[in-house]
C-alpha cells in the first residue's frame, strides 16, 4: 500500500510503501498518537490525523493547514486512498507529493501561527 506522510516537524511530505493493510491501528502507530480521525479530501483521497493534535499546546507540537482551507491540524497526518466501500487503500497514482506540496502550509509550533493562518483564510 502506498501512502503519503505529512510531517510538520520536518516540514516535509514523504511517500511510503507498506505491505500492511491501512487500518486505524496502523495509522495510530505511524502518526504516533492514541486517537485518529478520518478527513475526506476528495472522493478518492482521505487524510488520517491525530484527533488530539490541536490540544497539544506544548512547544514541541507543530501545525499545518491547507491553503484556502481554515482547518488547522496538529502533528503528523497520513494521506491515502479511499475505496467506494469506505476502506483505506493506496493513494491514487495521480495523487503525489507534488500535488500535496502545492496546498500544504506549515504553521510552526506557536498558537499565534494558527490565528494568523485563520485570518488569511477568512
Protein backbone atom coordinates (compact mmCIF):
# COMPACT_ATOMS: atom_id res chain seq x y z
CA UNK A 1 0.00 0.00 0.00
CA UNK A 2 1.25 3.45 -0.91
CA UNK A 3 0.57 6.45 1.33
CA UNK A 4 1.89 9.97 1.91
CA UNK A 5 3.02 11.24 5.31
CA UNK A 6 2.65 14.94 6.10
CA UNK A 7 5.25 15.76 8.74
CA UNK A 8 5.11 19.31 10.13
CA UNK A 9 8.08 18.57 12.41
CA UNK A 10 10.43 18.22 9.42
CA UNK A 11 8.23 20.32 7.09
CA UNK A 12 8.29 17.51 4.53
CA UNK A 13 5.88 15.23 2.75
CA UNK A 14 7.19 11.73 2.09
CA UNK A 15 5.89 8.77 0.14
CA UNK A 16 5.86 5.41 1.93
CA UNK A 17 5.07 1.82 0.97
CA UNK A 18 3.82 -0.87 3.33
CA UNK A 19 2.68 -4.46 2.89
CA UNK A 20 0.31 -3.95 5.85
CA UNK A 21 -3.36 -3.05 5.47
CA UNK A 22 -4.18 0.60 6.13
CA UNK A 23 -6.17 0.41 9.37
CA UNK A 24 -6.77 2.65 12.38
CA UNK A 25 -4.12 0.73 14.33
CA UNK A 26 -1.63 1.25 11.51
CA UNK A 27 -2.40 4.99 11.35
CA UNK A 28 -2.06 5.41 15.13
CA UNK A 29 1.32 3.66 15.12
CA UNK A 30 2.68 5.62 12.13
CA UNK A 31 1.41 9.01 13.31
CA UNK A 32 2.38 8.32 16.92
CA UNK A 33 -0.89 9.04 18.68
CA UNK A 34 -3.75 7.35 20.54
CA UNK A 35 -6.75 8.64 18.57
CA UNK A 36 -7.08 9.22 14.82
CA UNK A 37 -9.79 10.85 12.74
CA UNK A 38 -10.55 10.49 9.03
CA UNK A 39 -10.84 13.67 6.96
CA UNK A 40 -12.19 13.32 3.43
CA UNK A 41 -10.12 15.34 0.94
CA UNK A 42 -11.78 14.13 -2.28
CA UNK A 43 -13.99 11.20 -3.27
CA UNK A 44 -10.87 9.07 -3.71
CA UNK A 45 -8.46 10.59 -1.18
CA UNK A 46 -8.62 10.79 2.61
CA UNK A 47 -6.35 12.00 5.38
CA UNK A 48 -5.92 10.48 8.83
CA UNK A 49 -4.92 12.94 11.56
CA UNK A 50 -4.13 12.94 15.27
CA UNK A 51 -7.54 13.54 16.90
CA UNK A 52 -5.93 15.32 19.84
CA UNK A 53 -3.18 17.11 17.91
CA UNK A 54 -4.69 20.55 18.31
CA UNK A 55 -4.93 20.17 22.07
CA UNK A 56 -1.19 19.70 22.50
CA UNK A 57 -0.08 23.19 23.47
CA UNK A 58 3.49 22.18 24.24
CA UNK A 59 6.30 23.85 22.37
CA UNK A 60 7.08 20.52 20.70
CA UNK A 61 3.83 20.35 18.70
CA UNK A 62 3.84 21.51 15.07
CA UNK A 63 0.85 22.52 12.93
CA UNK A 64 -0.16 22.73 9.28
CA UNK A 65 -3.15 23.68 7.18
CA UNK A 66 -4.14 23.68 3.52
CA UNK A 67 -4.04 26.96 1.58
CA UNK A 68 -7.53 28.39 1.34
CA UNK A 69 -8.97 25.99 3.93
CA UNK A 70 -9.47 27.09 7.53
CA UNK A 71 -8.91 23.85 9.43
CA UNK A 72 -5.62 23.55 11.31
CA UNK A 73 -4.07 20.16 12.04
CA UNK A 74 -1.59 19.34 14.79
CA UNK A 75 1.05 16.66 14.36
CA UNK A 76 1.64 14.20 11.54
CA UNK A 77 -1.01 13.06 9.08
CA UNK A 78 -1.34 10.23 6.57
CA UNK A 79 -2.92 10.69 3.16
CA UNK A 80 -4.19 7.56 1.41
CA UNK A 81 -6.87 6.45 -0.99
CA UNK A 82 -10.49 5.66 -0.20
CA UNK A 83 -12.47 2.86 -1.82
CA UNK A 84 -16.14 3.17 -2.72
CA UNK A 85 -16.85 0.86 0.22
CA UNK A 86 -15.09 3.20 2.65
CA UNK A 87 -11.88 1.21 3.08
CA UNK A 88 -8.49 2.91 3.22
CA UNK A 89 -6.40 1.89 0.24
CA UNK A 90 -3.27 3.04 -1.62
CA UNK A 91 -3.31 6.69 -2.58
CA UNK A 92 -4.19 7.06 -6.29
CA UNK A 93 -1.16 7.17 -8.63
CA UNK A 94 -2.24 10.61 -9.86
CA UNK A 95 -2.03 12.00 -6.30
CA UNK A 96 1.61 12.52 -5.36
CA UNK A 97 3.91 14.55 -3.15
CA UNK A 98 3.93 17.50 -5.55
CA UNK A 99 0.13 17.61 -5.61
CA UNK A 100 0.09 17.88 -1.83
CA UNK A 101 3.04 20.29 -1.54
CA UNK A 102 1.16 22.91 -3.57
CA UNK A 103 -1.54 23.03 -0.91
CA UNK A 104 0.14 22.46 2.46
CA UNK A 105 1.08 25.48 4.56
CA UNK A 106 3.44 24.88 7.51
CA UNK A 107 2.41 26.88 10.58
CA UNK A 108 5.16 26.07 13.05
CA UNK A 109 4.53 25.42 16.69
CA UNK A 110 3.00 28.57 18.06
CA UNK A 111 -0.67 29.23 18.61
CA UNK A 112 -0.10 32.67 17.06
CA UNK A 113 0.64 30.91 13.78
CA UNK A 114 -2.79 29.27 13.94
CA UNK A 115 -4.55 32.59 14.45
CA UNK A 116 -2.63 34.20 11.58
CA UNK A 117 -3.49 31.31 9.26
CA UNK A 118 -7.18 31.57 10.06
CA UNK A 119 -7.17 35.33 9.44
CA UNK A 120 -5.74 34.86 5.94
CA UNK A 121 -8.44 32.32 5.09
CA UNK A 122 -11.39 34.41 6.30
